[in-house]
Amino acid sequence: MSFSDFMSVIQLAAGLNTAYFSFSQLRLPAFEAEQRALDRLAEIIGRQRQGSEESGAAGAGYDLYLQLRIDLDTIRYASQRKDGIFGKGCLVAAIIYVALLIFGSFYAQTELSFLPALVISTFGFLPIAASFVVNVAASQQVRSKITRRRQELERTVFSRSQERYDRS
């Protein structure tokens, strides 16, 4: 097998590792949606706290809101730390694969055995695959941990608002 036989695989690996930072944006819609929902919930809880004579129930809702906000920020921070690690890995892989492309353009007829070709091809996609998995996992973590608890808090807050409305 010559080096030129798998140049398209090397080109794809170089391109995907270069485009890593667009993959790191996969989790943003989940974070932004929860951020907006929590902001709306904060406004409602704030109004309830101002107009409530039952400060304990409103305070408990605010405490739950704060815990959700902390959990969301914790997940976001952990994802950003992983981005730092995977970003460096993708940058190194992109540099290596661009160097392999340059080498391949000069030595296209160089013979390679199957194992080195397989290793070069496989390792080109590992950083980007890991990045994809981490970003999808972060989005899933937001949906499973934050969204469910926020919806429970919303039901509690809205039922409390309805009770106050019914009493008046």
N, C-alpha and C. Protein backbone atom coordinates (compact mmCIF):
# COMPACT_ATOMS: atom_id res chain seq x y z
N MET A 1 0.86 -1.17 0.00
CA MET A 1 0.00 0.00 0.00
C MET A 1 0.91 1.23 0.00
N SER A 2 0.63 2.17 -0.88
CA SER A 2 1.45 3.38 -0.91
C SER A 2 0.78 4.46 -0.06
N PHE A 3 1.59 5.46 0.25
CA PHE A 3 1.12 6.55 1.09
C PHE A 3 -0.05 7.28 0.43
N SER A 4 -0.03 7.36 -0.88
CA SER A 4 -1.09 8.08 -1.59
C SER A 4 -2.43 7.34 -1.56
N ASP A 5 -2.42 6.06 -1.22
CA ASP A 5 -3.66 5.29 -1.19
C ASP A 5 -4.62 5.75 -0.10
N PHE A 6 -4.10 6.31 0.96
CA PHE A 6 -5.01 6.75 2.02
C PHE A 6 -4.86 8.24 2.35
N MET A 7 -4.46 9.03 1.34
CA MET A 7 -4.32 10.48 1.54
C MET A 7 -5.66 11.14 1.84
N SER A 8 -6.75 10.65 1.27
CA SER A 8 -8.04 11.27 1.55
C SER A 8 -8.44 11.08 3.02
N VAL A 9 -8.07 9.95 3.61
CA VAL A 9 -8.35 9.72 5.03
C VAL A 9 -7.56 10.71 5.88
N ILE A 10 -6.30 10.93 5.51
CA ILE A 10 -5.47 11.89 6.24
C ILE A 10 -6.04 13.30 6.08
N GLN A 11 -6.48 13.64 4.88
CA GLN A 11 -7.08 14.97 4.65
C GLN A 11 -8.33 15.15 5.51
N LEU A 12 -9.15 14.13 5.58
CA LEU A 12 -10.36 14.20 6.40
C LEU A 12 -10.01 14.36 7.88
N ALA A 13 -9.04 13.61 8.36
CA ALA A 13 -8.61 13.73 9.76
C ALA A 13 -8.08 15.12 10.05
N ALA A 14 -7.28 15.66 9.16
CA ALA A 14 -6.74 17.01 9.35
C ALA A 14 -7.87 18.04 9.37
N GLY A 15 -8.82 17.89 8.44
CA GLY A 15 -9.93 18.84 8.38
C GLY A 15 -10.83 18.77 9.60
N LEU A 16 -11.16 17.58 10.05
CA LEU A 16 -12.03 17.45 11.22
C LEU A 16 -11.36 17.95 12.49
N ASN A 17 -10.08 17.67 12.64
CA ASN A 17 -9.39 18.15 13.83
C ASN A 17 -9.25 19.67 13.80
N THR A 18 -9.13 20.23 12.61
CA THR A 18 -9.10 21.68 12.49
C THR A 18 -10.46 22.28 12.82
N ALA A 19 -11.52 21.58 12.46
CA ALA A 19 -12.88 22.06 12.70
C ALA A 19 -13.40 21.69 14.08
N TYR A 20 -12.52 21.28 14.96
CA TYR A 20 -12.91 20.85 16.31
C TYR A 20 -13.79 21.88 17.00
N PHE A 21 -13.45 23.13 16.87
CA PHE A 21 -14.14 24.14 17.67
C PHE A 21 -15.59 24.33 17.24
N SER A 22 -15.94 23.94 16.04
CA SER A 22 -17.35 23.97 15.69
C SER A 22 -18.08 22.81 16.38
N PHE A 23 -17.39 21.68 16.59
CA PHE A 23 -18.00 20.58 17.32
C PHE A 23 -18.19 20.93 18.80
N SER A 24 -17.32 21.77 19.32
CA SER A 24 -17.45 22.12 20.73
C SER A 24 -18.67 22.99 20.99
N GLN A 25 -19.32 23.47 19.94
CA GLN A 25 -20.52 24.28 20.10
C GLN A 25 -21.79 23.44 20.16
N LEU A 26 -21.67 22.12 20.09
CA LEU A 26 -22.85 21.25 20.09
C LEU A 26 -23.67 21.36 21.36
N ARG A 27 -23.03 21.64 22.46
CA ARG A 27 -23.75 21.66 23.73
C ARG A 27 -24.39 23.02 24.02
N LEU A 28 -24.01 24.05 23.29
CA LEU A 28 -24.50 25.39 23.59
C LEU A 28 -26.02 25.54 23.57
N PRO A 29 -26.74 24.96 22.61
CA PRO A 29 -28.20 25.14 22.66
C PRO A 29 -28.83 24.63 23.95
N ALA A 30 -28.33 23.52 24.48
CA ALA A 30 -28.89 22.99 25.73
C ALA A 30 -28.60 23.94 26.89
N PHE A 31 -27.38 24.46 26.95
CA PHE A 31 -27.03 25.39 28.02
C PHE A 31 -27.82 26.69 27.91
N GLU A 32 -27.94 27.22 26.70
CA GLU A 32 -28.64 28.49 26.53
C GLU A 32 -30.13 28.36 26.83
N ALA A 33 -30.73 27.26 26.43
CA ALA A 33 -32.16 27.06 26.71
C ALA A 33 -32.41 26.99 28.21
N GLU A 34 -31.58 26.26 28.92
CA GLU A 34 -31.73 26.17 30.37
C GLU A 34 -31.45 27.51 31.04
N GLN A 35 -30.48 28.24 30.51
CA GLN A 35 -30.17 29.56 31.08
C GLN A 35 -31.37 30.50 30.96
N ARG A 36 -32.00 30.51 29.78
CA ARG A 36 -33.19 31.36 29.58
C ARG A 36 -34.33 30.92 30.49
N ALA A 37 -34.54 29.61 30.60
CA ALA A 37 -35.63 29.11 31.45
C ALA A 37 -35.37 29.46 32.91
N LEU A 38 -34.12 29.34 33.35
CA LEU A 38 -33.80 29.70 34.74
C LEU A 38 -33.94 31.20 34.98
N ASP A 39 -33.62 32.01 33.99
CA ASP A 39 -33.80 33.46 34.14
C ASP A 39 -35.28 33.82 34.30
N ARG A 40 -36.13 33.18 33.48
CA ARG A 40 -37.59 33.41 33.62
C ARG A 40 -38.08 32.96 34.99
N LEU A 41 -37.59 31.81 35.43
CA LEU A 41 -37.99 31.28 36.73
C LEU A 41 -37.53 32.20 37.86
N ALA A 42 -36.35 32.78 37.71
CA ALA A 42 -35.83 33.71 38.73
C ALA A 42 -36.74 34.94 38.86
N GLU A 43 -37.24 35.44 37.74
CA GLU A 43 -38.15 36.58 37.78
C GLU A 43 -39.43 36.23 38.53
N ILE A 44 -39.98 35.07 38.23
CA ILE A 44 -41.23 34.64 38.88
C ILE A 44 -41.01 34.44 40.37
N ILE A 45 -39.94 33.78 40.72
CA ILE A 45 -39.65 33.54 42.14
C ILE A 45 -39.41 34.87 42.85
N GLY A 46 -38.72 35.80 42.18
CA GLY A 46 -38.49 37.12 42.78
C GLY A 46 -39.78 37.86 43.06
N ARG A 47 -40.73 37.78 42.11
CA ARG A 47 -42.03 38.44 42.34
C ARG A 47 -42.78 37.77 43.47
N GLN A 48 -42.69 36.44 43.55
CA GLN A 48 -43.37 35.72 44.63
C GLN A 48 -42.77 36.08 45.99
N ARG A 49 -41.47 36.23 46.03
CA ARG A 49 -40.81 36.56 47.30
C ARG A 49 -41.19 37.95 47.77
N GLN A 50 -41.37 38.88 46.82
CA GLN A 50 -41.73 40.25 47.19
C GLN A 50 -43.16 40.33 47.69
N GLY A 51 -44.06 39.60 47.05
CA GLY A 51 -45.48 39.71 47.41
C GLY A 51 -45.97 38.59 48.29
N SER A 52 -45.07 37.89 48.95
CA SER A 52 -45.49 36.73 49.73
C SER A 52 -45.33 36.98 51.21
N GLU A 53 -46.36 36.60 51.92
CA GLU A 53 -46.23 36.65 53.38
C GLU A 53 -45.64 35.34 53.89
N GLU A 54 -45.64 34.30 53.05
CA GLU A 54 -45.05 33.01 53.40
C GLU A 54 -43.61 32.98 52.89
N SER A 55 -42.71 33.58 53.63
CA SER A 55 -41.33 33.69 53.16
C SER A 55 -40.63 32.33 53.13
N GLY A 56 -41.09 31.38 53.91
CA GLY A 56 -40.45 30.06 53.94
C GLY A 56 -40.61 29.31 52.64
N ALA A 57 -41.83 29.28 52.09
CA ALA A 57 -42.07 28.57 50.84
C ALA A 57 -41.37 29.26 49.68
N ALA A 58 -41.43 30.59 49.63
CA ALA A 58 -40.75 31.32 48.57
C ALA A 58 -39.24 31.18 48.70
N GLY A 59 -38.75 31.17 49.93
CA GLY A 59 -37.31 31.00 50.16
C GLY A 59 -36.82 29.63 49.74
N ALA A 60 -37.64 28.60 49.97
CA ALA A 60 -37.27 27.25 49.56
C ALA A 60 -37.20 27.16 48.04
N GLY A 61 -38.13 27.81 47.35
CA GLY A 61 -38.10 27.84 45.88
C GLY A 61 -36.86 28.55 45.38
N TYR A 62 -36.49 29.64 46.06
CA TYR A 62 -35.30 30.39 45.67
C TYR A 62 -34.04 29.56 45.92
N ASP A 63 -34.02 28.82 47.02
CA ASP A 63 -32.88 27.95 47.31
C ASP A 63 -32.72 26.87 46.23
N LEU A 64 -33.85 26.28 45.82
CA LEU A 64 -33.80 25.29 44.75
C LEU A 64 -33.32 25.91 43.44
N TYR A 65 -33.78 27.13 43.18
CA TYR A 65 -33.34 27.83 41.97
C TYR A 65 -31.82 28.05 42.01
N LEU A 66 -31.32 28.51 43.14
CA LEU A 66 -29.88 28.74 43.26
C LEU A 66 -29.08 27.45 43.08
N GLN A 67 -29.60 26.34 43.61
CA GLN A 67 -28.91 25.06 43.44
C GLN A 67 -28.88 24.65 41.97
N LEU A 68 -29.98 24.87 41.26
CA LEU A 68 -30.01 24.58 39.83
C LEU A 68 -29.00 25.44 39.07
N ARG A 69 -28.93 26.70 39.43
CA ARG A 69 -27.99 27.62 38.77
C ARG A 69 -26.54 27.16 39.01
N ILE A 70 -26.25 26.76 40.24
CA ILE A 70 -24.90 26.28 40.57
C ILE A 70 -24.60 25.00 39.80
N ASP A 71 -25.56 24.09 39.73
CA ASP A 71 -25.35 22.83 39.00
C ASP A 71 -25.12 23.09 37.52
N LEU A 72 -25.88 24.01 36.93
CA LEU A 72 -25.69 24.33 35.51
C LEU A 72 -24.31 24.94 35.28
N ASP A 73 -23.89 25.85 36.15
CA ASP A 73 -22.57 26.45 36.01
C ASP A 73 -21.46 25.43 36.22
N THR A 74 -21.68 24.46 37.11
CA THR A 74 -20.69 23.41 37.33
C THR A 74 -20.53 22.54 36.09
N ILE A 75 -21.64 22.17 35.47
CA ILE A 75 -21.58 21.36 34.25
C ILE A 75 -20.90 22.16 33.13
N ARG A 76 -21.24 23.44 33.03
CA ARG A 76 -20.62 24.29 32.00
C ARG A 76 -19.11 24.40 32.23
N TYR A 77 -18.70 24.60 33.46
CA TYR A 77 -17.27 24.73 33.77
C TYR A 77 -16.53 23.43 33.47
N ALA A 78 -17.11 22.29 33.83
CA ALA A 78 -16.47 21.00 33.55
C ALA A 78 -16.33 20.79 32.05
N SER A 79 -17.33 21.20 31.29
CA SER A 79 -17.27 21.06 29.84
C SER A 79 -16.18 21.95 29.25
N GLN A 80 -16.05 23.15 29.79
CA GLN A 80 -15.01 24.05 29.30
C GLN A 80 -13.61 23.52 29.63
N ARG A 81 -13.45 22.89 30.78
CA ARG A 81 -12.16 22.28 31.12
C ARG A 81 -11.83 21.15 30.16
N LYS A 82 -12.83 20.32 29.85
CA LYS A 82 -12.61 19.23 28.89
C LYS A 82 -12.30 19.79 27.51
N ASP A 83 -12.94 20.91 27.16
CA ASP A 83 -12.64 21.55 25.89
C ASP A 83 -11.18 21.95 25.80
N GLY A 84 -10.64 22.43 26.90
CA GLY A 84 -9.23 22.81 26.92
C GLY A 84 -8.33 21.62 26.62
N ILE A 85 -8.67 20.48 27.19
CA ILE A 85 -7.88 19.27 26.98
C ILE A 85 -8.04 18.78 25.54
N PHE A 86 -9.28 18.62 25.10
CA PHE A 86 -9.52 18.09 23.76
C PHE A 86 -9.11 19.09 22.68
N GLY A 87 -9.22 20.37 22.97
CA GLY A 87 -8.79 21.38 22.01
C GLY A 87 -7.30 21.27 21.71
N LYS A 88 -6.52 21.06 22.76
CA LYS A 88 -5.07 20.89 22.56
C LYS A 88 -4.78 19.61 21.80
N GLY A 89 -5.51 18.54 22.11
CA GLY A 89 -5.32 17.28 21.40
C GLY A 89 -5.67 17.40 19.93
N CYS A 90 -6.77 18.10 19.64
CA CYS A 90 -7.16 18.29 18.25
C CYS A 90 -6.18 19.19 17.51
N LEU A 91 -5.65 20.18 18.19
CA LEU A 91 -4.66 21.06 17.56
C LEU A 91 -3.40 20.27 17.21
N VAL A 92 -2.93 19.46 18.14
CA VAL A 92 -1.74 18.63 17.89
C VAL A 92 -2.02 17.65 16.75
N ALA A 93 -3.18 17.01 16.76
CA ALA A 93 -3.53 16.07 15.69
C ALA A 93 -3.62 16.78 14.35
N ALA A 94 -4.20 17.98 14.32
CA ALA A 94 -4.29 18.72 13.07
C ALA A 94 -2.90 19.05 12.54
N ILE A 95 -1.99 19.46 13.41
CA ILE A 95 -0.63 19.78 12.99
C ILE A 95 0.07 18.53 12.45
N ILE A 96 -0.08 17.43 13.16
CA ILE A 96 0.54 16.17 12.71
C ILE A 96 0.00 15.76 11.35
N TYR A 97 -1.31 15.85 11.17
CA TYR A 97 -1.90 15.39 9.92
C TYR A 97 -1.64 16.34 8.76
N VAL A 98 -1.49 17.62 9.04
CA VAL A 98 -1.07 18.54 7.98
C VAL A 98 0.37 18.22 7.58
N ALA A 99 1.22 17.92 8.57
CA ALA A 99 2.60 17.51 8.26
C ALA A 99 2.61 16.21 7.44
N LEU A 100 1.71 15.28 7.79
CA LEU A 100 1.62 14.04 7.00
C LEU A 100 1.15 14.33 5.57
N LEU A 101 0.26 15.30 5.41
CA LEU A 101 -0.18 15.67 4.06
C LEU A 101 0.98 16.23 3.24
N ILE A 102 1.78 17.07 3.88
CA ILE A 102 2.93 17.63 3.18
C ILE A 102 3.92 16.51 2.83
N PHE A 103 4.18 15.63 3.80
CA PHE A 103 5.07 14.49 3.55
C PHE A 103 4.52 13.64 2.41
N GLY A 104 3.23 13.38 2.45
CA GLY A 104 2.60 12.55 1.42
C GLY A 104 2.65 13.17 0.04
N SER A 105 2.63 14.49 -0.03
CA SER A 105 2.71 15.12 -1.35
C SER A 105 4.09 14.95 -1.97
N PHE A 106 5.14 14.87 -1.16
CA PHE A 106 6.48 14.66 -1.68
C PHE A 106 6.83 13.19 -1.86
N TYR A 107 6.28 12.35 -1.00
CA TYR A 107 6.63 10.93 -1.02
C TYR A 107 5.37 10.06 -1.19
N ALA A 108 4.61 10.35 -2.20
CA ALA A 108 3.33 9.67 -2.41
C ALA A 108 3.50 8.19 -2.70
N GLN A 109 4.62 7.80 -3.27
CA GLN A 109 4.82 6.40 -3.63
C GLN A 109 5.51 5.58 -2.54
N THR A 110 5.72 6.17 -1.38
CA THR A 110 6.33 5.45 -0.26
C THR A 110 5.42 4.32 0.16
N GLU A 111 5.98 3.14 0.31
CA GLU A 111 5.20 1.96 0.68
C GLU A 111 5.00 1.91 2.19
N LEU A 112 3.78 1.60 2.61
CA LEU A 112 3.44 1.42 4.02
C LEU A 112 2.76 0.08 4.18
N SER A 113 3.04 -0.57 5.29
CA SER A 113 2.32 -1.82 5.56
C SER A 113 0.94 -1.47 6.11
N PHE A 114 0.11 -2.46 6.26
CA PHE A 114 -1.27 -2.24 6.69
C PHE A 114 -1.35 -1.66 8.10
N LEU A 115 -0.56 -2.16 9.04
CA LEU A 115 -0.65 -1.72 10.44
C LEU A 115 -0.33 -0.23 10.61
N PRO A 116 0.79 0.30 10.06
CA PRO A 116 1.01 1.75 10.21
C PRO A 116 -0.09 2.58 9.54
N ALA A 117 -0.60 2.11 8.41
CA ALA A 117 -1.68 2.84 7.75
C ALA A 117 -2.93 2.87 8.62
N LEU A 118 -3.23 1.74 9.25
CA LEU A 118 -4.38 1.65 10.13
C LEU A 118 -4.21 2.55 11.36
N VAL A 119 -3.02 2.54 11.94
CA VAL A 119 -2.75 3.36 13.13
C VAL A 119 -2.85 4.84 12.79
N ILE A 120 -2.24 5.25 11.67
CA ILE A 120 -2.30 6.66 11.26
C ILE A 120 -3.75 7.07 11.01
N SER A 121 -4.50 6.23 10.36
CA SER A 121 -5.90 6.55 10.06
C SER A 121 -6.75 6.61 11.32
N THR A 122 -6.56 5.66 12.22
CA THR A 122 -7.37 5.59 13.44
C THR A 122 -7.08 6.75 14.38
N PHE A 123 -5.80 7.02 14.63
CA PHE A 123 -5.47 8.07 15.59
C PHE A 123 -5.85 9.46 15.12
N GLY A 124 -6.08 9.62 13.84
CA GLY A 124 -6.53 10.92 13.35
C GLY A 124 -7.93 11.27 13.78
N PHE A 125 -8.73 10.26 14.04
CA PHE A 125 -10.13 10.50 14.37
C PHE A 125 -10.44 10.38 15.86
N LEU A 126 -9.49 9.92 16.65
CA LEU A 126 -9.76 9.76 18.09
C LEU A 126 -10.05 11.08 18.81
N PRO A 127 -9.24 12.14 18.64
CA PRO A 127 -9.56 13.38 19.37
C PRO A 127 -10.92 13.96 19.00
N ILE A 128 -11.26 13.92 17.72
CA ILE A 128 -12.53 14.51 17.31
C ILE A 128 -13.70 13.64 17.75
N ALA A 129 -13.52 12.33 17.75
CA ALA A 129 -14.58 11.45 18.25
C ALA A 129 -14.79 11.65 19.74
N ALA A 130 -13.69 11.78 20.48
CA ALA A 130 -13.80 12.02 21.92
C ALA A 130 -14.48 13.36 22.19
N SER A 131 -14.15 14.38 21.41
CA SER A 131 -14.78 15.68 21.55
C SER A 131 -16.28 15.60 21.31
N PHE A 132 -16.66 14.89 20.28
CA PHE A 132 -18.07 14.73 19.96
C PHE A 132 -18.81 14.04 21.11
N VAL A 133 -18.24 12.97 21.63
CA VAL A 133 -18.87 12.23 22.73
C VAL A 133 -19.00 13.10 23.97
N VAL A 134 -17.94 13.85 24.30
CA VAL A 134 -17.97 14.70 25.49
C VAL A 134 -19.04 15.79 25.35
N ASN A 135 -19.16 16.39 24.18
CA ASN A 135 -20.14 17.46 23.99
C ASN A 135 -21.56 16.94 24.00
N VAL A 136 -21.79 15.80 23.41
CA VAL A 136 -23.13 15.20 23.45
C VAL A 136 -23.46 14.78 24.89
N ALA A 137 -22.46 14.26 25.61
CA ALA A 137 -22.68 13.88 27.01
C ALA A 137 -23.00 15.09 27.87
N ALA A 138 -22.34 16.22 27.62
CA ALA A 138 -22.63 17.44 28.38
C ALA A 138 -24.06 17.91 28.14
N SER A 139 -24.49 17.86 26.89
CA SER A 139 -25.88 18.25 26.58
C SER A 139 -26.87 17.31 27.26
N GLN A 140 -26.56 16.03 27.23
CA GLN A 140 -27.43 15.05 27.87
C GLN A 140 -27.46 15.25 29.38
N GLN A 141 -26.32 15.59 29.96
CA GLN A 141 -26.25 15.82 31.40
C GLN A 141 -27.12 17.02 31.79
N VAL A 142 -27.09 18.06 30.98
CA VAL A 142 -27.94 19.23 31.25
C VAL A 142 -29.41 18.82 31.18
N ARG A 143 -29.75 18.06 30.15
CA ARG A 143 -31.15 17.67 29.99
C ARG A 143 -31.62 16.75 31.11
N SER A 144 -30.77 15.84 31.52
CA SER A 144 -31.21 14.86 32.53
C SER A 144 -31.19 15.44 33.94
N LYS A 145 -30.17 16.21 34.28
CA LYS A 145 -30.06 16.70 35.65
C LYS A 145 -30.77 18.02 35.88
N ILE A 146 -30.58 18.96 34.98
CA ILE A 146 -31.08 20.31 35.21
C ILE A 146 -32.53 20.45 34.76
N THR A 147 -32.84 20.01 33.56
CA THR A 147 -34.18 20.24 33.00
C THR A 147 -35.26 19.59 33.85
N ARG A 148 -35.04 18.37 34.25
CA ARG A 148 -36.05 17.67 35.05
C ARG A 148 -36.31 18.40 36.37
N ARG A 149 -35.25 18.79 37.06
CA ARG A 149 -35.42 19.48 38.34
C ARG A 149 -36.01 20.88 38.15
N ARG A 150 -35.64 21.56 37.06
CA ARG A 150 -36.21 22.88 36.80
C ARG A 150 -37.70 22.77 36.53
N GLN A 151 -38.11 21.76 35.80
CA GLN A 151 -39.54 21.57 35.52
C GLN A 151 -40.32 21.28 36.81
N GLU A 152 -39.73 20.51 37.71
CA GLU A 152 -40.39 20.27 39.01
C GLU A 152 -40.54 21.57 39.79
N LEU A 153 -39.48 22.38 39.79
CA LEU A 153 -39.53 23.66 40.49
C LEU A 153 -40.56 24.59 39.84
N GLU A 154 -40.63 24.59 38.52
CA GLU A 154 -41.64 25.41 37.84
C GLU A 154 -43.04 25.00 38.23
N ARG A 155 -43.29 23.69 38.28
CA ARG A 155 -44.62 23.23 38.70
C ARG A 155 -44.94 23.71 40.12
N THR A 156 -43.96 23.61 40.99
CA THR A 156 -44.16 24.06 42.38
C THR A 156 -44.43 25.55 42.43
N VAL A 157 -43.63 26.33 41.72
CA VAL A 157 -43.77 27.78 41.73
C VAL A 157 -45.10 28.19 41.12
N PHE A 158 -45.46 27.59 40.00
CA PHE A 158 -46.73 27.96 39.35
C PHE A 158 -47.94 27.52 40.16
N SER A 159 -47.84 26.38 40.85
CA SER A 159 -48.97 25.96 41.68
C SER A 159 -49.12 26.91 42.86
N ARG A 160 -47.99 27.39 43.41
CA ARG A 160 -48.04 28.36 44.49
C ARG A 160 -48.67 29.67 44.01
N SER A 161 -48.34 30.08 42.78
CA SER A 161 -48.93 31.30 42.21
C SER A 161 -50.43 31.13 42.02
N GLN A 162 -50.82 29.94 41.55
CA GLN A 162 -52.24 29.66 41.33
C GLN A 162 -52.99 29.67 42.65
N GLU A 163 -52.39 29.10 43.71
CA GLU A 163 -53.04 29.09 45.03
C GLU A 163 -53.25 30.50 45.53
N ARG A 164 -52.23 31.37 45.37
CA ARG A 164 -52.36 32.75 45.80
C ARG A 164 -53.44 33.47 45.01
N TYR A 165 -53.51 33.18 43.72
CA TYR A 165 -54.50 33.81 42.86
C TYR A 165 -55.90 33.35 43.26
N ASP A 166 -56.06 32.06 43.56
CA ASP A 166 -57.36 31.52 43.97
C ASP A 166 -57.84 32.12 45.29
N ARG A 167 -56.89 32.38 46.20
CA ARG A 167 -57.26 32.96 47.51
C ARG A 167 -57.72 34.40 47.38
N SER A 168 -57.23 35.10 46.37
CA SER A 168 -57.62 36.52 46.28
C SER A 168 -58.85 36.74 45.46
